[in-house]
Structure formats: structure tokens, C-alpha cells
Amino acid sequence: MKARIALGAVGVAAMGLGAVQLFTNREVKAPVEVLFWLAGAIVLHDAVLTPVVLAVGAVLARWLPPHLRRPVRAGLITAACLTAVALPFLLRPTATSNPSVLPLDYPRNTLIVLGAVAVLTALAAGWAALRRFRSLPKN
């Protein structure tokens, strides 16, 4: 409980520091627009991401055995968060006048990272299945 309160206090302090920086830093040209963007991120999280995660979790609870639910759910949440972070780079216009702007192959790199998440998820699910198999009583 004390750790939770301490982490909450650190989070509130970080948000306060961020707010002070937002409104006092001269490099930030439109702090109100940043606030709208942050509010949009919160709405997107609460109105889209959370219901989708809950729905997928409910479906997984019906189709997967209990020992596989946790690793599969963790892999899907990780993949969804990585996709959400990569989405602006994936949806950018392909033709730019400056080749140094977003110079990497973001679709390929996103697929590589998602493939790594899939492999790690499969390994974790296999490990969970192996542990479950070993803990079954022998007849």
C-alpha cells in the first residue's frame, strides 16, 4: 500500500512538472493544442483501447484453457500497444520532400517487432503448457 501511494505521488509530481514545462517552455508554441491532443489520447484509451482489450479478454476466457490465457493476453496487449505507437509512422504520407524525415522502413520494422512479440508469446504459452503438463497427476 505504501509503495502504491509513493508511486502515485511520483506520478502526480511528474504530471505537475510536465504541466509547468508545457506552459513555461517557450519552445511549445501551442500549449492548448497539446492539451487537446492529450485529452484525445485519454478518450481514445478509454473509449477504444479498453473496451477492445476487455472484449478480447472475454473471448479468450471462453476459448483458451486457463493456463494459456495470461501469456496470450499479455502478447496481444503488447502487440496492440506497439501498433498504437507505430500507427502515426505507418499512416504518414509516403512521398516527402525531405528524405531525412522518418527515414526508416516503418512497416517492415513494425512487422519485425510484432513477429518478435508473437514468438515470445508462443514461447511463454508453450512454457505455461509445459508447466501445466508437468503438474498433472500421474495415473
N, C-alpha and C. Protein backbone atom coordinates (compact mmCIF):
# COMPACT_ATOMS: atom_id res chain seq x y z
N MET A 1 0.82 -1.20 0.00
CA MET A 1 0.00 0.00 0.00
C MET A 1 0.87 1.26 0.00
N LYS A 2 1.95 1.24 0.80
CA LYS A 2 2.83 2.40 0.84
C LYS A 2 3.53 2.62 -0.49
N ALA A 3 3.90 1.52 -1.16
CA ALA A 3 4.55 1.65 -2.47
C ALA A 3 3.58 2.26 -3.48
N ARG A 4 2.32 1.86 -3.42
CA ARG A 4 1.32 2.40 -4.34
C ARG A 4 1.14 3.90 -4.12
N ILE A 5 1.10 4.32 -2.87
CA ILE A 5 0.96 5.74 -2.55
C ILE A 5 2.19 6.51 -3.02
N ALA A 6 3.37 5.92 -2.80
CA ALA A 6 4.61 6.58 -3.23
C ALA A 6 4.66 6.71 -4.75
N LEU A 7 4.29 5.64 -5.45
CA LEU A 7 4.28 5.71 -6.92
C LEU A 7 3.24 6.71 -7.42
N GLY A 8 2.09 6.76 -6.75
CA GLY A 8 1.08 7.75 -7.12
C GLY A 8 1.59 9.17 -6.91
N ALA A 9 2.30 9.39 -5.81
CA ALA A 9 2.85 10.72 -5.55
C ALA A 9 3.89 11.10 -6.60
N VAL A 10 4.72 10.13 -6.99
CA VAL A 10 5.72 10.40 -8.04
C VAL A 10 5.02 10.73 -9.36
N GLY A 11 3.94 10.00 -9.67
CA GLY A 11 3.19 10.27 -10.89
C GLY A 11 2.56 11.64 -10.89
N VAL A 12 1.96 12.04 -9.76
CA VAL A 12 1.36 13.37 -9.66
C VAL A 12 2.43 14.45 -9.78
N ALA A 13 3.58 14.23 -9.15
CA ALA A 13 4.68 15.19 -9.26
C ALA A 13 5.17 15.30 -10.71
N ALA A 14 5.26 14.18 -11.42
CA ALA A 14 5.70 14.21 -12.82
C ALA A 14 4.68 14.94 -13.69
N MET A 15 3.38 14.73 -13.42
CA MET A 15 2.36 15.45 -14.18
C MET A 15 2.44 16.95 -13.90
N GLY A 16 2.69 17.32 -12.64
CA GLY A 16 2.83 18.74 -12.30
C GLY A 16 4.02 19.36 -13.01
N LEU A 17 5.14 18.65 -13.02
CA LEU A 17 6.33 19.13 -13.72
C LEU A 17 6.04 19.28 -15.22
N GLY A 18 5.35 18.31 -15.78
CA GLY A 18 5.00 18.39 -17.19
C GLY A 18 4.10 19.58 -17.50
N ALA A 19 3.13 19.85 -16.61
CA ALA A 19 2.24 21.00 -16.81
C ALA A 19 3.01 22.31 -16.73
N VAL A 20 3.92 22.40 -15.77
CA VAL A 20 4.74 23.62 -15.65
C VAL A 20 5.58 23.80 -16.91
N GLN A 21 6.20 22.72 -17.38
CA GLN A 21 7.02 22.80 -18.60
C GLN A 21 6.17 23.18 -19.82
N LEU A 22 4.97 22.64 -19.87
CA LEU A 22 4.09 22.91 -21.01
C LEU A 22 3.78 24.39 -21.12
N PHE A 23 3.53 25.03 -20.00
CA PHE A 23 3.09 26.43 -20.05
C PHE A 23 4.21 27.44 -19.87
N THR A 24 5.41 27.00 -19.47
CA THR A 24 6.51 27.95 -19.30
C THR A 24 7.60 27.81 -20.35
N ASN A 25 7.67 26.69 -21.05
CA ASN A 25 8.70 26.48 -22.06
C ASN A 25 8.34 27.28 -23.31
N ARG A 26 9.23 28.12 -23.76
CA ARG A 26 8.94 28.98 -24.92
C ARG A 26 8.97 28.20 -26.23
N GLU A 27 9.54 27.01 -26.23
CA GLU A 27 9.57 26.22 -27.46
C GLU A 27 8.21 25.62 -27.77
N VAL A 28 7.34 25.50 -26.78
CA VAL A 28 5.99 24.98 -27.02
C VAL A 28 5.16 26.15 -27.52
N LYS A 29 4.79 26.09 -28.79
CA LYS A 29 4.09 27.21 -29.43
C LYS A 29 2.60 27.22 -29.13
N ALA A 30 1.98 26.05 -28.92
CA ALA A 30 0.53 25.99 -28.74
C ALA A 30 0.20 25.01 -27.61
N PRO A 31 0.34 25.45 -26.36
CA PRO A 31 0.08 24.52 -25.24
C PRO A 31 -1.36 24.04 -25.18
N VAL A 32 -2.30 24.85 -25.63
CA VAL A 32 -3.71 24.43 -25.60
C VAL A 32 -3.92 23.28 -26.58
N GLU A 33 -3.26 23.32 -27.73
CA GLU A 33 -3.36 22.22 -28.69
C GLU A 33 -2.77 20.94 -28.11
N VAL A 34 -1.71 21.06 -27.35
CA VAL A 34 -1.13 19.89 -26.70
C VAL A 34 -2.13 19.30 -25.71
N LEU A 35 -2.81 20.16 -24.97
CA LEU A 35 -3.83 19.69 -24.03
C LEU A 35 -4.96 18.96 -24.76
N PHE A 36 -5.38 19.49 -25.91
CA PHE A 36 -6.41 18.80 -26.69
C PHE A 36 -5.91 17.43 -27.17
N TRP A 37 -4.65 17.38 -27.58
CA TRP A 37 -4.08 16.11 -28.03
C TRP A 37 -4.05 15.11 -26.88
N LEU A 38 -3.65 15.56 -25.68
CA LEU A 38 -3.61 14.68 -24.53
C LEU A 38 -5.02 14.21 -24.15
N ALA A 39 -5.99 15.12 -24.22
CA ALA A 39 -7.38 14.73 -23.93
C ALA A 39 -7.86 13.70 -24.96
N GLY A 40 -7.48 13.89 -26.21
CA GLY A 40 -7.85 12.92 -27.24
C GLY A 40 -7.23 11.56 -26.98
N ALA A 41 -6.00 11.55 -26.49
CA ALA A 41 -5.35 10.28 -26.17
C ALA A 41 -6.08 9.57 -25.04
N ILE A 42 -6.53 10.32 -24.05
CA ILE A 42 -7.27 9.72 -22.93
C ILE A 42 -8.60 9.16 -23.42
N VAL A 43 -9.30 9.91 -24.25
CA VAL A 43 -10.58 9.44 -24.79
C VAL A 43 -10.35 8.20 -25.65
N LEU A 44 -9.33 8.21 -26.49
CA LEU A 44 -9.03 7.05 -27.32
C LEU A 44 -8.74 5.83 -26.46
N HIS A 45 -7.98 6.02 -25.40
CA HIS A 45 -7.67 4.91 -24.49
C HIS A 45 -8.93 4.38 -23.83
N ASP A 46 -9.74 5.28 -23.28
CA ASP A 46 -10.91 4.85 -22.51
C ASP A 46 -12.07 4.40 -23.39
N ALA A 47 -12.21 4.96 -24.58
CA ALA A 47 -13.36 4.63 -25.43
C ALA A 47 -13.07 3.54 -26.45
N VAL A 48 -11.80 3.33 -26.78
CA VAL A 48 -11.47 2.35 -27.81
C VAL A 48 -10.60 1.21 -27.26
N LEU A 49 -9.44 1.56 -26.75
CA LEU A 49 -8.48 0.53 -26.35
C LEU A 49 -9.01 -0.34 -25.21
N THR A 50 -9.54 0.27 -24.18
CA THR A 50 -10.01 -0.51 -23.03
C THR A 50 -11.16 -1.45 -23.39
N PRO A 51 -12.21 -0.99 -24.10
CA PRO A 51 -13.27 -1.93 -24.47
C PRO A 51 -12.79 -3.07 -25.37
N VAL A 52 -11.86 -2.77 -26.28
CA VAL A 52 -11.35 -3.82 -27.16
C VAL A 52 -10.57 -4.85 -26.35
N VAL A 53 -9.73 -4.39 -25.43
CA VAL A 53 -8.97 -5.31 -24.59
C VAL A 53 -9.91 -6.17 -23.75
N LEU A 54 -10.94 -5.56 -23.18
CA LEU A 54 -11.89 -6.33 -22.38
C LEU A 54 -12.66 -7.34 -23.22
N ALA A 55 -13.05 -6.96 -24.42
CA ALA A 55 -13.78 -7.89 -25.29
C ALA A 55 -12.89 -9.06 -25.71
N VAL A 56 -11.66 -8.77 -26.09
CA VAL A 56 -10.74 -9.84 -26.47
C VAL A 56 -10.46 -10.75 -25.28
N GLY A 57 -10.32 -10.16 -24.10
CA GLY A 57 -10.12 -10.96 -22.89
C GLY A 57 -11.30 -11.88 -22.62
N ALA A 58 -12.52 -11.39 -22.84
CA ALA A 58 -13.71 -12.22 -22.64
C ALA A 58 -13.75 -13.37 -23.65
N VAL A 59 -13.38 -13.09 -24.88
CA VAL A 59 -13.35 -14.15 -25.90
C VAL A 59 -12.27 -15.18 -25.55
N LEU A 60 -11.10 -14.70 -25.14
CA LEU A 60 -10.02 -15.62 -24.77
C LEU A 60 -10.42 -16.49 -23.58
N ALA A 61 -11.18 -15.93 -22.66
CA ALA A 61 -11.61 -16.70 -21.49
C ALA A 61 -12.50 -17.87 -21.89
N ARG A 62 -13.21 -17.73 -23.00
CA ARG A 62 -14.07 -18.82 -23.46
C ARG A 62 -13.31 -19.86 -24.28
N TRP A 63 -12.33 -19.43 -25.04
CA TRP A 63 -11.68 -20.33 -26.00
C TRP A 63 -10.38 -20.95 -25.51
N LEU A 64 -9.68 -20.30 -24.61
CA LEU A 64 -8.37 -20.80 -24.19
C LEU A 64 -8.46 -21.46 -22.82
N PRO A 65 -7.64 -22.49 -22.61
CA PRO A 65 -7.57 -23.06 -21.27
C PRO A 65 -6.95 -22.04 -20.31
N PRO A 66 -7.27 -22.14 -19.03
CA PRO A 66 -6.81 -21.13 -18.06
C PRO A 66 -5.30 -20.90 -18.05
N HIS A 67 -4.50 -21.94 -18.24
CA HIS A 67 -3.04 -21.75 -18.14
C HIS A 67 -2.46 -21.00 -19.34
N LEU A 68 -3.20 -20.86 -20.43
CA LEU A 68 -2.70 -20.14 -21.60
C LEU A 68 -3.22 -18.70 -21.69
N ARG A 69 -4.20 -18.36 -20.89
CA ARG A 69 -4.82 -17.04 -21.01
C ARG A 69 -3.85 -15.91 -20.73
N ARG A 70 -3.09 -16.02 -19.67
CA ARG A 70 -2.20 -14.92 -19.27
C ARG A 70 -1.14 -14.62 -20.33
N PRO A 71 -0.38 -15.60 -20.83
CA PRO A 71 0.64 -15.24 -21.83
C PRO A 71 0.04 -14.73 -23.14
N VAL A 72 -1.08 -15.31 -23.56
CA VAL A 72 -1.69 -14.85 -24.81
C VAL A 72 -2.24 -13.43 -24.65
N ARG A 73 -2.89 -13.17 -23.53
CA ARG A 73 -3.41 -11.83 -23.27
C ARG A 73 -2.26 -10.82 -23.22
N ALA A 74 -1.17 -11.16 -22.55
CA ALA A 74 -0.03 -10.24 -22.46
C ALA A 74 0.55 -9.96 -23.85
N GLY A 75 0.66 -10.99 -24.68
CA GLY A 75 1.17 -10.79 -26.03
C GLY A 75 0.26 -9.91 -26.87
N LEU A 76 -1.05 -10.13 -26.76
CA LEU A 76 -1.99 -9.31 -27.54
C LEU A 76 -2.00 -7.86 -27.08
N ILE A 77 -1.93 -7.63 -25.77
CA ILE A 77 -1.89 -6.26 -25.27
C ILE A 77 -0.60 -5.57 -25.71
N THR A 78 0.51 -6.29 -25.64
CA THR A 78 1.79 -5.73 -26.09
C THR A 78 1.74 -5.39 -27.57
N ALA A 79 1.21 -6.29 -28.38
CA ALA A 79 1.10 -6.03 -29.82
C ALA A 79 0.19 -4.85 -30.11
N ALA A 80 -0.91 -4.73 -29.37
CA ALA A 80 -1.82 -3.61 -29.58
C ALA A 80 -1.16 -2.28 -29.21
N CYS A 81 -0.43 -2.26 -28.11
CA CYS A 81 0.25 -1.03 -27.71
C CYS A 81 1.35 -0.65 -28.70
N LEU A 82 2.11 -1.63 -29.16
CA LEU A 82 3.14 -1.35 -30.16
C LEU A 82 2.53 -0.82 -31.46
N THR A 83 1.41 -1.39 -31.86
CA THR A 83 0.74 -0.92 -33.06
C THR A 83 0.23 0.51 -32.87
N ALA A 84 -0.31 0.80 -31.70
CA ALA A 84 -0.79 2.16 -31.44
C ALA A 84 0.35 3.17 -31.49
N VAL A 85 1.52 2.79 -30.99
CA VAL A 85 2.68 3.69 -31.04
C VAL A 85 3.17 3.86 -32.47
N ALA A 86 3.15 2.78 -33.25
CA ALA A 86 3.67 2.83 -34.63
C ALA A 86 2.68 3.41 -35.63
N LEU A 87 1.42 3.50 -35.26
CA LEU A 87 0.39 3.92 -36.21
C LEU A 87 0.67 5.27 -36.89
N PRO A 88 1.10 6.31 -36.18
CA PRO A 88 1.38 7.57 -36.88
C PRO A 88 2.46 7.43 -37.95
N PHE A 89 3.45 6.59 -37.69
CA PHE A 89 4.51 6.40 -38.68
C PHE A 89 4.02 5.56 -39.86
N LEU A 90 3.10 4.64 -39.59
CA LEU A 90 2.57 3.79 -40.64
C LEU A 90 1.59 4.53 -41.54
N LEU A 91 0.91 5.52 -41.00
CA LEU A 91 -0.11 6.24 -41.77
C LEU A 91 0.41 7.52 -42.41
N ARG A 92 1.69 7.81 -42.24
CA ARG A 92 2.24 9.03 -42.81
C ARG A 92 2.23 8.96 -44.33
N PRO A 93 2.21 10.11 -44.98
CA PRO A 93 2.30 10.09 -46.46
C PRO A 93 3.64 9.50 -46.90
N THR A 94 3.60 8.73 -47.96
CA THR A 94 4.83 8.05 -48.39
C THR A 94 5.81 8.99 -49.09
N ALA A 95 5.32 9.95 -49.82
CA ALA A 95 6.22 10.86 -50.55
C ALA A 95 6.48 12.10 -49.69
N THR A 96 7.74 12.33 -49.36
CA THR A 96 8.13 13.54 -48.63
C THR A 96 9.22 14.25 -49.40
N SER A 97 9.25 15.56 -49.27
CA SER A 97 10.28 16.33 -49.97
C SER A 97 11.63 16.24 -49.26
N ASN A 98 11.62 15.87 -48.01
CA ASN A 98 12.86 15.75 -47.25
C ASN A 98 13.07 14.28 -46.88
N PRO A 99 14.06 13.62 -47.46
CA PRO A 99 14.24 12.19 -47.19
C PRO A 99 14.72 11.88 -45.77
N SER A 100 15.17 12.89 -45.03
CA SER A 100 15.61 12.62 -43.66
C SER A 100 14.46 12.60 -42.66
N VAL A 101 13.26 12.98 -43.12
CA VAL A 101 12.09 12.92 -42.24
C VAL A 101 11.57 11.49 -42.26
N LEU A 102 11.53 10.87 -41.11
CA LEU A 102 11.10 9.47 -40.98
C LEU A 102 11.80 8.59 -42.02
N PRO A 103 13.11 8.44 -41.92
CA PRO A 103 13.87 7.75 -42.97
C PRO A 103 13.80 6.23 -42.94
N LEU A 104 13.27 5.63 -41.89
CA LEU A 104 13.31 4.18 -41.76
C LEU A 104 12.13 3.51 -42.45
N ASP A 105 12.24 2.21 -42.63
CA ASP A 105 11.16 1.41 -43.21
C ASP A 105 10.25 0.98 -42.06
N TYR A 106 9.31 1.84 -41.68
CA TYR A 106 8.49 1.60 -40.50
C TYR A 106 7.54 0.40 -40.65
N PRO A 107 6.93 0.17 -41.80
CA PRO A 107 6.08 -1.03 -41.91
C PRO A 107 6.88 -2.32 -41.68
N ARG A 108 8.05 -2.42 -42.29
CA ARG A 108 8.89 -3.61 -42.11
C ARG A 108 9.33 -3.76 -40.66
N ASN A 109 9.78 -2.67 -40.06
CA ASN A 109 10.25 -2.73 -38.68
C ASN A 109 9.11 -3.07 -37.72
N THR A 110 7.93 -2.56 -37.99
CA THR A 110 6.78 -2.89 -37.15
C THR A 110 6.46 -4.38 -37.26
N LEU A 111 6.51 -4.92 -38.45
CA LEU A 111 6.27 -6.35 -38.63
C LEU A 111 7.33 -7.19 -37.92
N ILE A 112 8.57 -6.74 -37.94
CA ILE A 112 9.64 -7.47 -37.25
C ILE A 112 9.37 -7.49 -35.75
N VAL A 113 9.03 -6.34 -35.19
CA VAL A 113 8.77 -6.26 -33.75
C VAL A 113 7.53 -7.08 -33.38
N LEU A 114 6.47 -6.99 -34.19
CA LEU A 114 5.27 -7.78 -33.91
C LEU A 114 5.56 -9.28 -34.05
N GLY A 115 6.42 -9.64 -34.98
CA GLY A 115 6.83 -11.04 -35.10
C GLY A 115 7.59 -11.51 -33.86
N ALA A 116 8.46 -10.65 -33.34
CA ALA A 116 9.18 -10.99 -32.11
C ALA A 116 8.22 -11.15 -30.94
N VAL A 117 7.21 -10.29 -30.87
CA VAL A 117 6.21 -10.41 -29.81
C VAL A 117 5.45 -11.73 -29.97
N ALA A 118 5.11 -12.09 -31.21
CA ALA A 118 4.40 -13.35 -31.45
C ALA A 118 5.25 -14.55 -31.04
N VAL A 119 6.52 -14.53 -31.37
CA VAL A 119 7.42 -15.64 -31.00
C VAL A 119 7.54 -15.73 -29.48
N LEU A 120 7.75 -14.60 -28.82
CA LEU A 120 7.86 -14.62 -27.36
C LEU A 120 6.55 -15.05 -26.70
N THR A 121 5.43 -14.65 -27.28
CA THR A 121 4.13 -15.09 -26.76
C THR A 121 3.98 -16.59 -26.92
N ALA A 122 4.36 -17.12 -28.07
CA ALA A 122 4.28 -18.56 -28.28
C ALA A 122 5.20 -19.32 -27.32
N LEU A 123 6.39 -18.78 -27.09
CA LEU A 123 7.30 -19.42 -26.13
C LEU A 123 6.73 -19.39 -24.71
N ALA A 124 6.16 -18.27 -24.33
CA ALA A 124 5.56 -18.17 -22.99
C ALA A 124 4.36 -19.10 -22.86
N ALA A 125 3.56 -19.20 -23.90
CA ALA A 125 2.41 -20.10 -23.87
C ALA A 125 2.88 -21.56 -23.83
N GLY A 126 3.93 -21.87 -24.59
CA GLY A 126 4.48 -23.22 -24.55
C GLY A 126 5.04 -23.56 -23.18
N TRP A 127 5.70 -22.60 -22.55
CA TRP A 127 6.23 -22.81 -21.21
C TRP A 127 5.10 -23.04 -20.22
N ALA A 128 4.03 -22.25 -20.34
CA ALA A 128 2.88 -22.42 -19.45
C ALA A 128 2.23 -23.79 -19.66
N ALA A 129 2.14 -24.23 -20.92
CA ALA A 129 1.56 -25.54 -21.19
C ALA A 129 2.44 -26.65 -20.64
N LEU A 130 3.75 -26.50 -20.78
CA LEU A 130 4.68 -27.49 -20.23
C LEU A 130 4.58 -27.57 -18.71
N ARG A 131 4.53 -26.44 -18.05
CA ARG A 131 4.38 -26.43 -16.59
C ARG A 131 3.06 -27.07 -16.18
N ARG A 132 2.01 -26.81 -16.93
CA ARG A 132 0.71 -27.40 -16.62
C ARG A 132 0.77 -28.92 -16.81
N PHE A 133 1.40 -29.37 -17.90
CA PHE A 133 1.51 -30.79 -18.19
C PHE A 133 2.30 -31.50 -17.10
N ARG A 134 3.39 -30.88 -16.63
CA ARG A 134 4.22 -31.50 -15.59
C ARG A 134 3.54 -31.55 -14.23
N SER A 135 2.59 -30.60 -14.02
CA SER A 135 1.92 -30.58 -12.71
C SER A 135 0.69 -31.50 -12.66
N LEU A 136 0.33 -32.09 -13.81
CA LEU A 136 -0.82 -33.00 -13.80
C LEU A 136 -0.47 -34.28 -13.03
N PRO A 137 -1.40 -34.84 -12.28
CA PRO A 137 -1.12 -36.07 -11.53
C PRO A 137 -0.93 -37.23 -12.50
N LYS A 138 0.01 -38.09 -12.17
CA LYS A 138 0.28 -39.28 -12.98
C LYS A 138 -0.65 -40.40 -12.56
N ASN A 139 -1.22 -41.13 -13.49
CA ASN A 139 -2.13 -42.27 -13.18
C ASN A 139 -1.39 -43.54 -13.06
